[in-house]
C-alpha atoms as a PDB file:
ATOM      1  CA  MET A   1      -0.063  -0.004  -0.024  1.00  0.00           C
ATOM      2  CA  THR A   2       2.707   2.488   0.870  1.00  0.00           C
ATOM      3  CA  HIS A   3       4.227   2.480  -2.562  1.00  0.00           C
ATOM      4  CA  ALA A   4       1.042   4.092  -3.922  1.00  0.00           C
ATOM      5  CA  LEU A   5       1.179   7.011  -1.518  1.00  0.00           C
ATOM      6  CA  PRO A   6       2.540  10.505  -2.391  1.00  0.00           C
ATOM      7  CA  PRO A   7       6.103  11.260  -1.159  1.00  0.00           C
ATOM      8  CA  GLY A   8       6.052  12.479   2.382  1.00  0.00           C
ATOM      9  CA  LEU A   9       2.873  10.598   3.366  1.00  0.00           C
ATOM     10  CA  THR A  10       4.418   7.196   3.930  1.00  0.00           C
ATOM     11  CA  ASP A  11       5.254   7.720   7.698  1.00  0.00           C
ATOM     12  CA  CYS A  12       2.329   9.536   9.136  1.00  0.00           C
ATOM     13  CA  LEU A  13      -1.272   9.057  10.317  1.00  0.00           C
ATOM     14  CA  LEU A  14      -3.712   8.989   7.419  1.00  0.00           C
ATOM     15  CA  TRP A  15      -7.241   9.493   8.742  1.00  0.00           C
ATOM     16  CA  SER A  16     -10.538   9.181   6.842  1.00  0.00           C
ATOM     17  CA  GLU A  17     -13.331  11.248   8.475  1.00  0.00           C
ATOM     18  CA  GLU A  18     -15.718   9.589   6.026  1.00  0.00           C
ATOM     19  CA  LEU A  19     -14.815   6.053   7.313  1.00  0.00           C
ATOM     20  CA  GLY A  20     -13.939   7.065  10.920  1.00  0.00           C
ATOM     21  CA  MET A  21     -10.650   5.220  10.789  1.00  0.00           C
ATOM     22  CA  GLY A  22      -6.951   5.882  10.323  1.00  0.00           C
ATOM     23  CA  TRP A  23      -3.820   3.973   9.284  1.00  0.00           C
ATOM     24  CA  HIS A  24      -0.152   4.592   9.863  1.00  0.00           C
ATOM     25  CA  GLY A  25       2.301   3.429   7.209  1.00  0.00           C
ATOM     26  CA  ARG A  26       5.417   2.885   9.264  1.00  0.00           C
ATOM     27  CA  GLN A  27       7.046  -0.610   8.967  1.00  0.00           C
ATOM     28  CA  PRO A  28       5.480  -2.911  11.559  1.00  0.00           C
ATOM     29  CA  MET A  29       7.574  -3.446  14.760  1.00  0.00           C
ATOM     30  CA  ASP A  30       9.630  -6.586  15.352  1.00  0.00           C
ATOM     31  CA  TYR A  31       7.866  -8.784  17.936  1.00  0.00           C
ATOM     32  CA  SER A  32      10.967 -10.939  18.689  1.00  0.00           C
ATOM     33  CA  GLY A  33      12.815 -10.778  21.988  1.00  0.00           C
ATOM     34  CA  PRO A  34      11.345 -10.807  25.520  1.00  0.00           C
ATOM     35  CA  TYR A  35       7.892  -9.790  24.458  1.00  0.00           C
ATOM     36  CA  PHE A  36       6.163 -12.958  25.623  1.00  0.00           C
ATOM     37  CA  GLU A  37       8.121 -12.912  28.915  1.00  0.00           C
ATOM     38  CA  LYS A  38       6.915  -9.327  29.558  1.00  0.00           C
ATOM     39  CA  TYR A  39       3.265 -10.196  29.087  1.00  0.00           C
ATOM     40  CA  GLN A  40       3.563 -13.330  31.238  1.00  0.00           C
ATOM     41  CA  ALA A  41       4.666 -11.058  34.052  1.00  0.00           C
ATOM     42  CA  LEU A  42       1.653  -8.774  33.413  1.00  0.00           C
ATOM     43  CA  ASP A  43      -0.728 -11.802  33.338  1.00  0.00           C
ATOM     44  CA  ALA A  44       0.495 -12.801  36.759  1.00  0.00           C
ATOM     45  CA  THR A  45      -0.634  -9.385  38.308  1.00  0.00           C
ATOM     46  CA  GLN A  46      -3.951  -8.619  40.021  1.00  0.00           C
ATOM     47  CA  MET A  47      -4.834  -6.589  36.918  1.00  0.00           C
ATOM     48  CA  GLY A  48      -3.995  -9.518  34.654  1.00  0.00           C
ATOM     49  CA  GLU A  49      -6.258 -11.796  36.711  1.00  0.00           C
ATOM     50  CA  ALA A  50      -9.088  -9.265  36.547  1.00  0.00           C
ATOM     51  CA  LEU A  51      -8.768  -8.612  32.797  1.00  0.00           C
ATOM     52  CA  THR A  52      -8.626 -12.331  32.032  1.00  0.00           C
ATOM     53  CA  ARG A  53     -11.811 -12.962  34.119  1.00  0.00           C
ATOM     54  CA  ALA A  54     -13.602 -10.132  32.317  1.00  0.00           C
ATOM     55  CA  ARG A  55     -12.646 -11.375  28.941  1.00  0.00           C
ATOM     56  CA  VAL A  56     -13.595 -15.016  29.614  1.00  0.00           C
ATOM     57  CA  GLU A  57     -16.911 -13.933  31.048  1.00  0.00           C
ATOM     58  CA  MET A  58     -17.587 -11.724  27.959  1.00  0.00           C
ATOM     59  CA  VAL A  59     -16.957 -14.556  25.564  1.00  0.00           C
ATOM     60  CA  ARG A  60     -19.098 -17.010  27.578  1.00  0.00           C
ATOM     61  CA  ARG A  61     -21.999 -14.556  27.576  1.00  0.00           C
ATOM     62  CA  HIS A  62     -22.276 -15.218  23.846  1.00  0.00           C
ATOM     63  CA  THR A  63     -20.787 -18.666  22.977  1.00  0.00           C
ATOM     64  CA  GLU A  64     -19.501 -21.867  24.405  1.00  0.00           C
ATOM     65  CA  ILE A  65     -17.174 -22.259  21.400  1.00  0.00           C
ATOM     66  CA  PRO A  66     -13.404 -22.259  22.600  1.00  0.00           C
ATOM     67  CA  PRO A  67     -11.880 -19.281  20.837  1.00  0.00           C
ATOM     68  CA  VAL A  68      -8.598 -18.880  19.108  1.00  0.00           C
ATOM     69  CA  ASP A  69      -6.761 -16.000  20.823  1.00  0.00           C
ATOM     70  CA  ILE A  70      -4.801 -13.808  18.320  1.00  0.00           C
ATOM     71  CA  GLY A  71      -1.706 -12.351  19.931  1.00  0.00           C
ATOM     72  CA  ILE A  72      -1.788 -14.279  23.205  1.00  0.00           C
ATOM     73  CA  GLY A  73      -0.011 -11.744  25.497  1.00  0.00           C
ATOM     74  CA  GLY A  74       1.293 -13.999  28.332  1.00  0.00           C
ATOM     75  CA  GLY A  75      -1.060 -16.914  27.503  1.00  0.00           C
ATOM     76  CA  ARG A  76      -3.288 -16.624  30.550  1.00  0.00           C
ATOM     77  CA  PHE A  77      -6.511 -16.090  28.550  1.00  0.00           C
ATOM     78  CA  VAL A  78      -5.716 -19.122  26.388  1.00  0.00           C
ATOM     79  CA  LEU A  79      -5.416 -21.346  29.425  1.00  0.00           C
ATOM     80  CA  GLU A  80      -8.533 -19.995  31.313  1.00  0.00           C
ATOM     81  CA  SER A  81     -10.792 -19.864  28.238  1.00  0.00           C
ATOM     82  CA  GLY A  82      -9.881 -23.495  27.257  1.00  0.00           C
ATOM     83  CA  GLY A  83      -9.140 -22.210  23.797  1.00  0.00           C
ATOM     84  CA  MET A  84      -6.301 -22.201  21.336  1.00  0.00           C
ATOM     85  CA  GLY A  85      -3.829 -19.412  20.313  1.00  0.00           C
ATOM     86  CA  PHE A  86      -1.828 -17.804  17.525  1.00  0.00           C
ATOM     87  CA  ASP A  87       1.090 -15.490  17.758  1.00  0.00           C
ATOM     88  CA  VAL A  88       4.070 -14.186  15.775  1.00  0.00           C
ATOM     89  CA  ASN A  89       6.519 -14.100  18.676  1.00  0.00           C
ATOM     90  CA  ALA A  90       8.729 -17.216  18.652  1.00  0.00           C
ATOM     91  CA  GLU A  91       8.599 -17.746  22.427  1.00  0.00           C
ATOM     92  CA  ALA A  92       4.826 -17.501  22.442  1.00  0.00           C
ATOM     93  CA  VAL A  93       4.589 -19.926  19.528  1.00  0.00           C
ATOM     94  CA  ALA A  94       6.902 -22.393  21.331  1.00  0.00           C
ATOM     95  CA  TRP A  95       4.821 -22.077  24.479  1.00  0.00           C
ATOM     96  CA  LEU A  96       1.578 -22.737  22.606  1.00  0.00           C
ATOM     97  CA  LYS A  97       2.955 -25.764  20.806  1.00  0.00           C
ATOM     98  CA  ALA A  98       4.288 -27.170  24.146  1.00  0.00           C
ATOM     99  CA  GLN A  99       0.748 -26.721  25.550  1.00  0.00           C
ATOM    100  CA  GLU A 100      -0.736 -28.319  22.355  1.00  0.00           C
ATOM    101  CA  ARG A 101      -2.720 -25.083  21.902  1.00  0.00           C
ATOM    102  CA  TYR A 102      -1.198 -23.630  18.729  1.00  0.00           C
ATOM    103  CA  TYR A 103      -3.657 -22.987  15.944  1.00  0.00           C
ATOM    104  CA  ASP A 104      -3.097 -20.974  12.753  1.00  0.00           C
ATOM    105  CA  PRO A 105      -6.412 -19.265  11.760  1.00  0.00           C
ATOM    106  CA  TYR A 106      -4.863 -18.196   8.424  1.00  0.00           C
ATOM    107  CA  GLN A 107      -4.468 -21.859   7.379  1.00  0.00           C
ATOM    108  CA  HIS A 108      -7.612 -23.296   9.071  1.00  0.00           C
ATOM    109  CA  HIS A 109     -11.222 -22.161   9.756  1.00  0.00           C
ATOM    110  CA  ALA A 110     -12.016 -20.766  13.216  1.00  0.00           C
ATOM    111  CA  GLU A 111     -15.640 -20.390  14.509  1.00  0.00           C
ATOM    112  CA  ALA A 112     -14.557 -17.775  17.169  1.00  0.00           C
ATOM    113  CA  ILE A 113     -11.507 -15.612  17.667  1.00  0.00           C
ATOM    114  CA  THR A 114     -10.452 -13.080  20.299  1.00  0.00           C
ATOM    115  CA  CYS A 115      -8.275 -10.046  19.548  1.00  0.00           C
ATOM    116  CA  TRP A 116      -7.436  -8.510  22.945  1.00  0.00           C
ATOM    117  CA  ASP A 117      -5.271  -5.475  22.025  1.00  0.00           C
ATOM    118  CA  SER A 118      -4.179  -7.166  18.891  1.00  0.00           C
ATOM    119  CA  LEU A 119      -6.419  -6.385  15.835  1.00  0.00           C
ATOM    120  CA  GLU A 120      -4.843  -2.858  15.469  1.00  0.00           C
ATOM    121  CA  HIS A 121      -1.392  -4.492  15.147  1.00  0.00           C
ATOM    122  CA  ILE A 122      -2.278  -6.731  12.157  1.00  0.00           C
ATOM    123  CA  PRO A 123      -1.272  -5.414   8.677  1.00  0.00           C
ATOM    124  CA  GLU A 124      -4.244  -6.977   6.866  1.00  0.00           C
ATOM    125  CA  PRO A 125      -6.897  -7.829   9.390  1.00  0.00           C
ATOM    126  CA  GLU A 126      -9.452  -8.485   6.614  1.00  0.00           C
ATOM    127  CA  ARG A 127      -7.598 -11.660   5.780  1.00  0.00           C
ATOM    128  CA  LEU A 128      -7.905 -12.875   9.309  1.00  0.00           C
ATOM    129  CA  LEU A 129     -11.695 -12.286   9.367  1.00  0.00           C
ATOM    130  CA  ASP A 130     -12.141 -14.179   6.139  1.00  0.00           C
ATOM    131  CA  HIS A 131     -11.370 -17.292   8.085  1.00  0.00           C
ATOM    132  CA  VAL A 132     -13.817 -16.693  10.961  1.00  0.00           C
ATOM    133  CA  GLY A 133     -17.186 -18.437  10.898  1.00  0.00           C
ATOM    134  CA  GLU A 134     -19.139 -16.814  13.763  1.00  0.00           C
ATOM    135  CA  TRP A 135     -17.594 -14.665  16.510  1.00  0.00           C
ATOM    136  CA  VAL A 136     -14.967 -11.969  16.886  1.00  0.00           C
ATOM    137  CA  PHE A 137     -14.269 -10.412  20.297  1.00  0.00           C
ATOM    138  CA  VAL A 138     -12.112  -7.339  20.417  1.00  0.00           C
ATOM    139  CA  SER A 139     -10.622  -4.848  22.920  1.00  0.00           C
ATOM    140  CA  MET A 140      -8.755  -1.792  21.667  1.00  0.00           C
ATOM    141  CA  PRO A 141      -8.450   1.991  22.048  1.00  0.00           C
ATOM    142  CA  ILE A 142     -11.178   3.973  20.426  1.00  0.00           C
ATOM    143  CA  TYR A 143     -10.812   7.628  19.115  1.00  0.00           C
ATOM    144  CA  LYS A 144     -13.176  10.559  18.557  1.00  0.00           C
ATOM    145  CA  ASP A 145     -11.237  11.780  15.518  1.00  0.00           C
ATOM    146  CA  ALA A 146      -7.745  12.322  14.090  1.00  0.00           C
ATOM    147  CA  LYS A 147      -6.915  14.975  16.624  1.00  0.00           C
ATOM    148  CA  HIS A 148      -7.863  12.782  19.546  1.00  0.00           C
ATOM    149  CA  CYS A 149      -5.845   9.960  18.039  1.00  0.00           C
ATOM    150  CA  LEU A 150      -2.702  11.992  17.681  1.00  0.00           C
ATOM    151  CA  ALA A 151      -2.906  13.234  21.254  1.00  0.00           C
ATOM    152  CA  SER A 152      -3.542   9.822  22.697  1.00  0.00           C
ATOM    153  CA  LYS A 153      -1.067   7.671  24.562  1.00  0.00           C
ATOM    154  CA  HIS A 154      -2.292   4.843  22.471  1.00  0.00           C
ATOM    155  CA  TYR A 155      -1.032   6.441  19.282  1.00  0.00           C
ATOM    156  CA  LYS A 156       1.959   4.189  18.639  1.00  0.00           C
ATOM    157  CA  PRO A 157       3.243   4.139  15.101  1.00  0.00           C
ATOM    158  CA  ALA A 158       4.812   0.813  13.998  1.00  0.00           C
ATOM    159  CA  GLU A 159       3.053  -0.934  16.886  1.00  0.00           C
ATOM    160  CA  HIS A 160      -0.474   0.195  16.149  1.00  0.00           C
ATOM    161  CA  LEU A 161      -1.118   0.223  12.462  1.00  0.00           C
ATOM    162  CA  HIS A 162      -4.856   0.877  12.460  1.00  0.00           C
ATOM    163  CA  TYR A 163      -7.010   3.436  14.438  1.00  0.00           C
ATOM    164  CA  TRP A 164     -10.777   3.550  14.659  1.00  0.00           C
ATOM    165  CA  SER A 165     -13.558   5.704  16.005  1.00  0.00           C
ATOM    166  CA  LEU A 166     -16.580   3.870  17.484  1.00  0.00           C
ATOM    167  CA  ARG A 167     -18.588   4.429  14.288  1.00  0.00           C
ATOM    168  CA  GLY A 168     -15.511   3.500  12.154  1.00  0.00           C
ATOM    169  CA  LEU A 169     -14.874   0.153  13.784  1.00  0.00           C
ATOM    170  CA  ILE A 170     -18.561  -0.906  13.701  1.00  0.00           C
ATOM    171  CA  GLY A 171     -18.704   0.145  10.032  1.00  0.00           C
ATOM    172  CA  TRP A 172     -15.403  -1.635   9.178  1.00  0.00           C
ATOM    173  CA  PHE A 173     -16.719  -4.849  10.810  1.00  0.00           C
ATOM    174  CA  ALA A 174     -20.010  -4.533   8.834  1.00  0.00           C
ATOM    175  CA  ARG A 175     -18.035  -4.408   5.624  1.00  0.00           C
ATOM    176  CA  GLN A 176     -16.301  -7.617   6.663  1.00  0.00           C
ATOM    177  CA  GLY A 177     -19.749  -9.256   7.282  1.00  0.00           C
ATOM    178  CA  PHE A 178     -20.045  -8.888  11.079  1.00  0.00           C
ATOM    179  CA  GLY A 179     -22.587  -7.083  13.230  1.00  0.00           C
ATOM    180  CA  CYS A 180     -21.883  -5.578  16.657  1.00  0.00           C
ATOM    181  CA  VAL A 181     -23.863  -7.322  19.495  1.00  0.00           C
ATOM    182  CA  GLU A 182     -22.089  -5.931  22.561  1.00  0.00           C
ATOM    183  CA  ILE A 183     -19.947  -2.937  23.536  1.00  0.00           C
ATOM    184  CA  ASN A 184     -18.698  -2.453  27.096  1.00  0.00           C
ATOM    185  CA  GLU A 185     -16.104  -0.364  28.947  1.00  0.00           C
ATOM    186  CA  LYS A 186     -15.165  -3.073  31.546  1.00  0.00           C
ATOM    187  CA  GLU A 187     -11.445  -2.797  30.815  1.00  0.00           C
ATOM    188  CA  SER A 188     -11.501   0.916  31.299  1.00  0.00           C
ATOM    189  CA  GLU A 189     -13.489   0.441  34.551  1.00  0.00           C
ATOM    190  CA  LEU A 190     -10.661  -1.930  35.702  1.00  0.00           C
ATOM    191  CA  GLY A 191      -8.052   0.832  35.142  1.00  0.00           C
ATOM    192  CA  ARG A 192      -7.068   0.559  31.463  1.00  0.00           C
ATOM    193  CA  ASP A 193      -7.469   4.075  30.034  1.00  0.00           C
ATOM    194  CA  GLY A 194      -9.586   4.402  26.911  1.00  0.00           C
ATOM    195  CA  ILE A 195     -10.060   0.779  26.118  1.00  0.00           C
ATOM    196  CA  THR A 196     -13.410  -0.516  24.813  1.00  0.00           C
ATOM    197  CA  SER A 197     -14.471  -4.170  24.262  1.00  0.00           C
ATOM    198  CA  PHE A 198     -16.756  -5.438  21.526  1.00  0.00           C
ATOM    199  CA  ALA A 199     -18.467  -8.672  20.468  1.00  0.00           C
ATOM    200  CA  PHE A 200     -19.140  -9.085  16.703  1.00  0.00           C
ATOM    201  CA  ARG A 201     -21.137 -11.846  15.119  1.00  0.00           C
ATOM    202  CA  ARG A 202     -21.127 -13.024  11.491  1.00  0.00           C
ATOM    203  CA  LEU A 203     -24.174 -11.667   9.649  1.00  0.00           C
ATOM    204  CA  ARG A 204     -26.361 -14.226   7.909  1.00  0.00           C
ATOM    205  CA  GLY A 205     -27.933 -13.113   4.652  1.00  0.00           C
END
């Protein structure tokens, strides 16, 4: 995509007011190194316990299907949800395979996936949703507009590639064939600033 942009616009936030979403064209960050170890430590905290419980409860309000967790953090949600996981960090992949919980949703169909703080990191999230049959659960920062996004602590070029307003995210999912069935602020209530959670279900025509 970046090769088609005018010179000077390849490393900045491009925001569409019409679509309520933005994109940053910087080369995605490298997820090697102690990334998994860092999130295992966070998972072991009181906050990690509370977030995992809230996420498991949210999924189970809608489905009993064990989800595939995309970008597993420290792996706690995978274990407590009874699901599978997918990651690009080598240590996380090794851990998943040792647990017999590795699952590649790009190669296989998944009825339900969870993207806790991960969808905005994925270069082509449309490709991921093409392989999902029923449910997508998401938590992420939500922005009012481009100005709000640029001023936010969640504006992280190279780490966060995609940025959405509330209207923009619901519209983007609708274009992928999913309708929004739940929105909650539980993670913000637990102390995570500006994080909203969503449940999306495949629309049947």
